[in-house]
Every structure is written in C-alpha cells, then in structure tokens.
Amino acid sequence: MLLDEPTLNIFFAIFLFAFGACIGSFLNVVAHRLPRDKSLIRPRSHCPSCSAPVPALGLIPVFGWFLVRMRCQNCGVKVSWVYPAVELLCAVGTVFLFFNTLSPAQFVGTLWPEAALGSQLGAMRFQPLIAVLTHLFLFYTAVPLTLIDLEHRILPDVITLGGTPIALFLGGANVHLGWQGAVVGAAVGSGVLFFVAKTYEIIRGREGLGFGDVKYMALIGAVVGWQGVLLVLGLASVLGSVVGIFLGLRKQAGLQTALPFGPFLAAAALVVSLWQPLILNFFFGDV
C-alpha cells in the first residue's frame, strides 16, 4: 500500500467526518422540508424568518453556524443550535459506525484484495462492507425520522416505505440473514407492531401507535431479522418507558406523558444492528 496503516486511518477519519457532516446538513433539509411538502433541492438554504439566502460561510457543515455568529445575517434572528448539532452527530456517528465495523485497511482489502496490507485481509470480501452500509443506512434514516417524529408526530412514507426495498437488499446481501430472513424480518416487524397497535386501539378506544411506526418496523426488520425485531421492540419499549416516566415526573404530568415511538425504535434498531450477536448470546447463550 502507498500509505502505512496509521496514516490511512487518519485520512479515512477526516474524510468520514467531513462526509458525515455533509450528510447531516442534507438531513437537516430533509427533516425541515419533507413534512412541509417542500422541494429538497429548491430554493437554496434560506432563513425561515426572512427567506434571505444563507451566505456561503453559513453553509459549511458544523462550523458555518459559528461563522455567521448563530444568526441570520439579514434579519438577525437566531439560528437553531439543532442544525450544527445534527451535522456534528452525523459526522461523529459516521466515523464511529465505520471504525466500529471495519478498519480502513480491511475496507481497502475488501474492494481491492491485491492492495491489502496482508493476505488474510485480501481474502475478506463484501460482508464487512454490507455491515457498515447497513449501519449507516439505519443511522441516516433514523436522524430525519427522529427529528420529524419529535416535531410533527409522523414518520413519512417516502422514508419508511421508500427505504424498505433498500433494507431488503442489504438484509438479503447479509449471509447471516439472507433474502428469506430479510423478508420474514420485515413481515414480523410490521406484523407484530400492527397487532399491538390494533389491540391497543380496540381495548383503549384510541390510537396508541401510528401506522408510520408499523411501516418503519418493516424497514428495521428487513436488516435485523425476526430475532432482531423482538430485541428492537423490547429495547424501544424499555427506553420509551424510562424516558416517559422521567418526563412525566419532571413535568408533574403523571405517567400518561405521550411520546412519539419512532425515536426509540430508531435508537434500538441501531443498538441491535451493531451488537445483535452479543445481545442474543447474553440472553440465550450460543445461538
């Protein structure tokens, strides 16, 4: 290889950080415009208060917010801290998810075996790449879905249903899951949550879960399989209960605090996708 491994790691980390920050900038646009039925392309980024275009410096991911002094340069309205926070989250998350799954040397060896640092790396093919793409796919869909669900209490079909074919492809390409496992996972994921939602609605006489959550579970189930679905639903329920109790007590609103379930599904899906074998082995032994 032209670069030694430590230098290659540094270059990859810098590139992935910048790439993730740019993705985060785009996901900010998706989260703001998609539920408002606005184009994701035009007009260019502008102040939501006065519609003045964001200056070039303000478009720099993460740092642009500081360079424009956290305000619109035309009307002086403060720019939300959420924008740079999402960009930074995506930047750091991209670096973490990549390096947690495979090293840059393994990545090079997966695509170009003859360029690997060692023969054993050259023998590795596309499974590590499929794994990291799966993690990033779940992460990049989770971010806008979480932001939209928190603000609008919806999970747009264009992401959940539109992303399900991609999830099925990634699940099918995973040798530990396969096409049958991906399809079964999607069916079990959406089916279980649909059953829970309808049962709650019949018993309580009101909707407890939106059907956006049902569609989202089809996407998640396609990449984690039916066993992963059970883990995701269990973990999401625990997270939602803990946060709901905490907020209910803090606001003195009792334990009936209504929370969107999408963010908890998103967080649980990422955890299960990353560490599903460890979780299954912890609870059920060698599976």
Protein backbone atom coordinates (compact mmCIF):
# COMPACT_ATOMS: atom_id res chain seq x y z
CA MET A 1 0.00 0.00 0.00
CA LEU A 2 1.05 3.60 -0.60
CA LEU A 3 0.21 4.62 2.96
CA ASP A 4 1.04 2.99 6.27
CA GLU A 5 -1.94 1.91 8.35
CA PRO A 6 -1.92 4.77 10.95
CA THR A 7 -1.80 7.38 8.18
CA LEU A 8 -4.56 5.59 6.30
CA ASN A 9 -6.70 5.62 9.45
CA ILE A 10 -6.23 9.37 9.85
CA PHE A 11 -7.14 10.08 6.24
CA PHE A 12 -10.23 7.90 6.48
CA ALA A 13 -11.33 9.51 9.75
CA ILE A 14 -11.03 13.01 8.28
CA PHE A 15 -12.86 12.03 5.11
CA LEU A 16 -15.63 10.22 7.00
CA PHE A 17 -16.07 13.14 9.40
CA ALA A 18 -16.45 15.59 6.50
CA PHE A 19 -18.71 13.20 4.61
CA GLY A 20 -20.93 12.61 7.64
CA ALA A 21 -21.18 16.35 8.33
CA CYS A 22 -22.33 16.96 4.74
CA ILE A 23 -24.88 14.16 5.05
CA GLY A 24 -26.09 15.73 8.30
CA SER A 25 -26.52 19.08 6.53
CA PHE A 26 -28.70 17.40 3.91
CA LEU A 27 -30.69 15.51 6.54
CA ASN A 28 -31.44 18.85 8.23
CA VAL A 29 -33.02 19.93 4.96
CA VAL A 30 -34.97 16.66 4.72
CA ALA A 31 -36.28 16.96 8.29
CA HIS A 32 -37.37 20.57 7.79
CA ARG A 33 -38.84 20.44 4.28
CA LEU A 34 -40.22 16.93 3.83
CA PRO A 35 -43.13 17.18 6.32
CA ARG A 36 -43.95 20.61 4.85
CA ASP A 37 -44.15 19.19 1.31
CA LYS A 38 -41.35 21.43 0.08
CA SER A 39 -38.71 20.60 -2.51
CA LEU A 40 -35.45 19.25 -1.09
CA ILE A 41 -33.49 20.98 -3.87
CA ARG A 42 -35.00 24.41 -4.46
CA PRO A 43 -34.84 27.06 -3.26
CA ARG A 44 -31.36 27.01 -1.76
CA SER A 45 -30.98 27.13 2.03
CA HIS A 46 -32.52 30.29 3.41
CA CYS A 47 -33.62 31.92 6.64
CA PRO A 48 -37.07 30.61 7.64
CA SER A 49 -37.90 34.05 9.04
CA CYS A 50 -36.97 36.47 6.24
CA SER A 51 -36.19 33.99 3.41
CA ALA A 52 -32.77 35.55 2.83
CA PRO A 53 -30.29 33.02 1.34
CA VAL A 54 -27.79 31.58 3.81
CA PRO A 55 -24.32 33.01 2.99
CA ALA A 56 -21.62 30.66 1.71
CA LEU A 57 -19.84 30.61 5.08
CA GLY A 58 -23.06 29.60 6.80
CA LEU A 59 -23.37 26.55 4.55
CA ILE A 60 -20.16 24.98 5.89
CA PRO A 61 -21.33 21.98 7.97
CA VAL A 62 -20.86 22.30 11.75
CA PHE A 63 -18.62 25.38 11.59
CA GLY A 64 -20.92 27.58 9.49
CA TRP A 65 -23.21 28.16 12.46
CA PHE A 66 -20.35 29.74 14.39
CA LEU A 67 -19.01 31.67 11.39
CA VAL A 68 -22.31 33.52 10.96
CA ARG A 69 -22.43 34.07 14.74
CA MET A 70 -25.50 31.91 15.17
CA ARG A 71 -27.76 34.50 13.50
CA CYS A 72 -29.28 35.30 10.15
CA GLN A 73 -27.06 37.92 8.54
CA ASN A 74 -30.09 39.73 7.13
CA CYS A 75 -32.70 39.89 9.89
CA GLY A 76 -30.69 38.91 12.94
CA VAL A 77 -32.95 36.02 14.00
CA LYS A 78 -31.09 33.33 15.92
CA VAL A 79 -30.34 30.12 14.03
CA SER A 80 -31.29 26.99 15.97
CA TRP A 81 -28.45 25.01 17.54
CA VAL A 82 -30.15 21.85 16.27
CA TYR A 83 -28.63 22.32 12.80
CA PRO A 84 -24.95 22.13 13.79
CA ALA A 85 -25.79 19.50 16.43
CA VAL A 86 -27.28 17.21 13.78
CA GLU A 87 -24.30 17.80 11.48
CA LEU A 88 -21.85 17.03 14.27
CA LEU A 89 -23.84 13.96 15.31
CA CYS A 90 -23.77 12.63 11.75
CA ALA A 91 -20.06 13.39 11.41
CA VAL A 92 -19.09 11.63 14.63
CA GLY A 93 -21.62 8.85 14.07
CA THR A 94 -20.26 8.10 10.61
CA VAL A 95 -16.71 7.80 11.91
CA PHE A 96 -17.81 5.61 14.83
CA LEU A 97 -20.01 3.28 12.79
CA PHE A 98 -17.30 2.75 10.17
CA PHE A 99 -14.42 2.13 12.54
CA ASN A 100 -16.60 0.03 14.85
CA THR A 101 -17.32 -2.30 11.92
CA LEU A 102 -14.07 -2.50 9.97
CA SER A 103 -10.72 -0.79 9.61
CA PRO A 104 -9.68 1.26 6.56
CA ALA A 105 -7.16 -1.48 5.70
CA GLN A 106 -9.95 -4.06 5.74
CA PHE A 107 -12.08 -1.77 3.60
CA VAL A 108 -9.30 -1.47 1.02
CA GLY A 109 -8.73 -5.21 1.17
CA THR A 110 -12.44 -5.84 0.63
CA LEU A 111 -12.55 -3.83 -2.59
CA TRP A 112 -9.02 -4.42 -3.84
CA PRO A 113 -7.54 -7.65 -2.40
CA GLU A 114 -4.19 -7.08 -4.10
CA ALA A 115 -3.81 -3.75 -2.26
CA ALA A 116 -4.44 -5.16 1.23
CA LEU A 117 -1.83 -4.98 3.96
CA GLY A 118 -1.91 -8.74 4.38
CA SER A 119 -3.14 -11.80 2.59
CA GLN A 120 -5.81 -12.50 5.17
CA LEU A 121 -7.31 -9.07 4.52
CA GLY A 122 -7.32 -9.67 0.80
CA ALA A 123 -9.45 -12.77 1.37
CA MET A 124 -12.19 -10.69 3.00
CA ARG A 125 -14.83 -9.69 0.54
CA PHE A 126 -18.05 -7.80 0.80
CA GLN A 127 -19.64 -8.82 4.12
CA PRO A 128 -17.84 -6.14 6.17
CA LEU A 129 -18.89 -3.57 3.56
CA ILE A 130 -22.51 -4.76 3.70
CA ALA A 131 -22.41 -4.48 7.50
CA VAL A 132 -21.12 -0.90 7.54
CA LEU A 133 -23.59 0.13 4.82
CA THR A 134 -26.40 -1.38 6.89
CA HIS A 135 -25.36 0.54 10.00
CA LEU A 136 -25.05 3.81 8.07
CA PHE A 137 -28.38 3.24 6.32
CA LEU A 138 -30.16 2.77 9.66
CA PHE A 139 -28.37 5.81 11.07
CA TYR A 140 -29.07 8.13 8.14
CA THR A 141 -32.76 7.19 8.08
CA ALA A 142 -33.06 7.38 11.86
CA VAL A 143 -31.90 11.01 12.04
CA PRO A 144 -34.60 12.66 9.90
CA LEU A 145 -37.30 10.27 11.11
CA THR A 146 -36.48 11.16 14.72
CA LEU A 147 -36.49 14.90 14.05
CA ILE A 148 -39.74 14.73 12.09
CA ASP A 149 -41.47 12.47 14.61
CA LEU A 150 -40.50 14.71 17.51
CA GLU A 151 -41.82 17.84 15.79
CA HIS A 152 -44.74 16.57 13.69
CA ARG A 153 -45.57 13.14 15.18
CA ILE A 154 -45.35 11.46 11.77
CA LEU A 155 -42.96 9.08 10.02
CA PRO A 156 -43.11 9.93 6.30
CA ASP A 157 -43.80 7.05 3.91
CA VAL A 158 -41.16 8.33 1.49
CA ILE A 159 -38.52 7.29 4.04
CA THR A 160 -40.12 4.25 5.68
CA LEU A 161 -41.73 2.62 2.65
CA GLY A 162 -39.20 4.08 0.25
CA GLY A 163 -36.33 2.75 2.33
CA THR A 164 -37.73 -0.75 2.78
CA PRO A 165 -36.53 -2.06 -0.63
CA ILE A 166 -33.03 -0.83 0.23
CA ALA A 167 -33.30 -2.55 3.62
CA LEU A 168 -34.41 -5.78 1.93
CA PHE A 169 -31.42 -5.61 -0.40
CA LEU A 170 -28.98 -5.06 2.48
CA GLY A 171 -30.62 -7.81 4.54
CA GLY A 172 -30.59 -10.20 1.61
CA ALA A 173 -26.91 -9.48 0.95
CA ASN A 174 -26.10 -10.35 4.56
CA VAL A 175 -25.02 -14.00 4.55
CA HIS A 176 -26.17 -14.38 8.17
CA LEU A 177 -29.70 -13.31 7.22
CA GLY A 178 -30.30 -13.89 3.52
CA TRP A 179 -33.31 -12.93 1.42
CA GLN A 180 -35.69 -15.22 3.28
CA GLY A 181 -34.58 -13.87 6.64
CA ALA A 182 -34.91 -10.29 5.40
CA VAL A 183 -38.46 -10.83 4.13
CA VAL A 184 -39.51 -12.69 7.28
CA GLY A 185 -37.96 -9.99 9.44
CA ALA A 186 -39.85 -7.25 7.59
CA ALA A 187 -43.12 -9.20 7.85
CA VAL A 188 -42.66 -9.99 11.55
CA GLY A 189 -41.58 -6.43 12.35
CA SER A 190 -44.57 -4.77 10.75
CA GLY A 191 -46.96 -7.57 11.71
CA VAL A 192 -46.15 -7.60 15.43
CA LEU A 193 -46.39 -3.83 15.74
CA PHE A 194 -49.62 -3.78 13.70
CA PHE A 195 -51.12 -6.37 16.06
CA VAL A 196 -50.05 -4.39 19.12
CA ALA A 197 -51.39 -1.14 17.67
CA LYS A 198 -54.78 -2.60 16.75
CA THR A 199 -55.11 -4.43 20.07
CA TYR A 200 -54.38 -1.23 21.99
CA GLU A 201 -56.85 0.70 19.84
CA ILE A 202 -59.61 -1.88 20.43
CA ILE A 203 -59.02 -2.08 24.19
CA ARG A 204 -58.46 1.61 24.89
CA GLY A 205 -60.66 3.05 22.16
CA ARG A 206 -57.94 5.34 20.87
CA GLU A 207 -54.83 5.09 18.76
CA GLY A 208 -51.69 4.25 20.70
CA LEU A 209 -49.24 3.76 17.84
CA GLY A 210 -49.28 5.38 14.43
CA PHE A 211 -49.04 3.25 11.31
CA GLY A 212 -45.82 5.07 10.49
CA ASP A 213 -44.25 3.02 13.26
CA VAL A 214 -45.62 -0.17 11.66
CA LYS A 215 -44.05 0.74 8.31
CA TYR A 216 -40.79 1.71 9.98
CA MET A 217 -40.59 -1.69 11.65
CA ALA A 218 -40.77 -3.34 8.22
CA LEU A 219 -37.62 -1.42 7.25
CA ILE A 220 -35.89 -2.30 10.51
CA GLY A 221 -36.95 -5.96 10.44
CA ALA A 222 -35.52 -6.39 6.95
CA VAL A 223 -31.98 -5.77 8.22
CA VAL A 224 -32.11 -7.28 11.73
CA GLY A 225 -34.29 -10.36 11.10
CA TRP A 226 -37.15 -11.66 13.23
CA GLN A 227 -34.98 -12.21 16.31
CA GLY A 228 -33.67 -8.67 16.00
CA VAL A 229 -37.23 -7.40 15.71
CA LEU A 230 -38.08 -8.81 19.14
CA LEU A 231 -34.96 -7.22 20.59
CA VAL A 232 -35.71 -3.86 18.96
CA LEU A 233 -39.30 -3.79 20.21
CA GLY A 234 -38.25 -4.83 23.71
CA LEU A 235 -35.43 -2.29 23.94
CA ALA A 236 -37.52 0.51 22.41
CA SER A 237 -40.32 -0.17 24.88
CA VAL A 238 -37.92 -0.03 27.82
CA LEU A 239 -36.33 3.20 26.57
CA GLY A 240 -39.71 4.76 25.93
CA SER A 241 -40.98 3.78 29.38
CA VAL A 242 -37.93 5.17 31.17
CA VAL A 243 -37.99 8.46 29.29
CA GLY A 244 -41.78 8.74 29.65
CA ILE A 245 -41.65 8.20 33.41
CA PHE A 246 -38.80 10.69 33.76
CA LEU A 247 -40.57 13.39 31.77
CA GLY A 248 -43.88 12.69 33.47
CA LEU A 249 -42.38 13.11 36.92
CA ARG A 250 -40.36 16.15 35.89
CA LYS A 251 -43.39 17.92 34.44
CA GLN A 252 -45.66 16.64 37.22
CA ALA A 253 -47.96 15.38 34.47
CA GLY A 254 -48.28 11.86 35.80
CA LEU A 255 -47.27 8.78 33.87
CA GLN A 256 -49.52 9.46 30.87
CA THR A 257 -46.97 11.59 29.01
CA ALA A 258 -47.44 10.96 25.28
CA LEU A 259 -44.21 10.38 23.38
CA PRO A 260 -43.56 9.51 19.74
CA PHE A 261 -42.29 5.94 19.46
CA GLY A 262 -40.20 6.44 16.32
CA PRO A 263 -37.10 7.86 18.05
CA PHE A 264 -36.98 4.88 20.41
CA LEU A 265 -37.34 2.43 17.53
CA ALA A 266 -34.51 4.23 15.75
CA ALA A 267 -32.18 4.10 18.74
CA ALA A 268 -32.99 0.46 19.50
CA ALA A 269 -32.51 -0.55 15.85
CA LEU A 270 -29.01 0.92 15.80
CA VAL A 271 -28.04 -0.81 19.03
CA VAL A 272 -29.38 -4.18 17.86
CA SER A 273 -27.82 -3.82 14.41
CA LEU A 274 -24.40 -3.16 15.95
CA TRP A 275 -24.44 -5.69 18.76
CA GLN A 276 -27.19 -8.24 17.99
CA PRO A 277 -24.94 -11.34 18.31
CA LEU A 278 -23.65 -10.16 21.69
CA ILE A 279 -27.16 -9.42 22.94
CA LEU A 280 -28.53 -12.76 21.78
CA ASN A 281 -25.61 -14.64 23.30
CA PHE A 282 -26.07 -12.77 26.57
CA PHE A 283 -29.73 -13.77 26.90
CA PHE A 284 -29.85 -17.12 25.10
CA GLY A 285 -26.29 -18.43 25.09
CA ASP A 286 -24.55 -19.54 21.92
CA VAL A 287 -27.08 -19.01 19.09
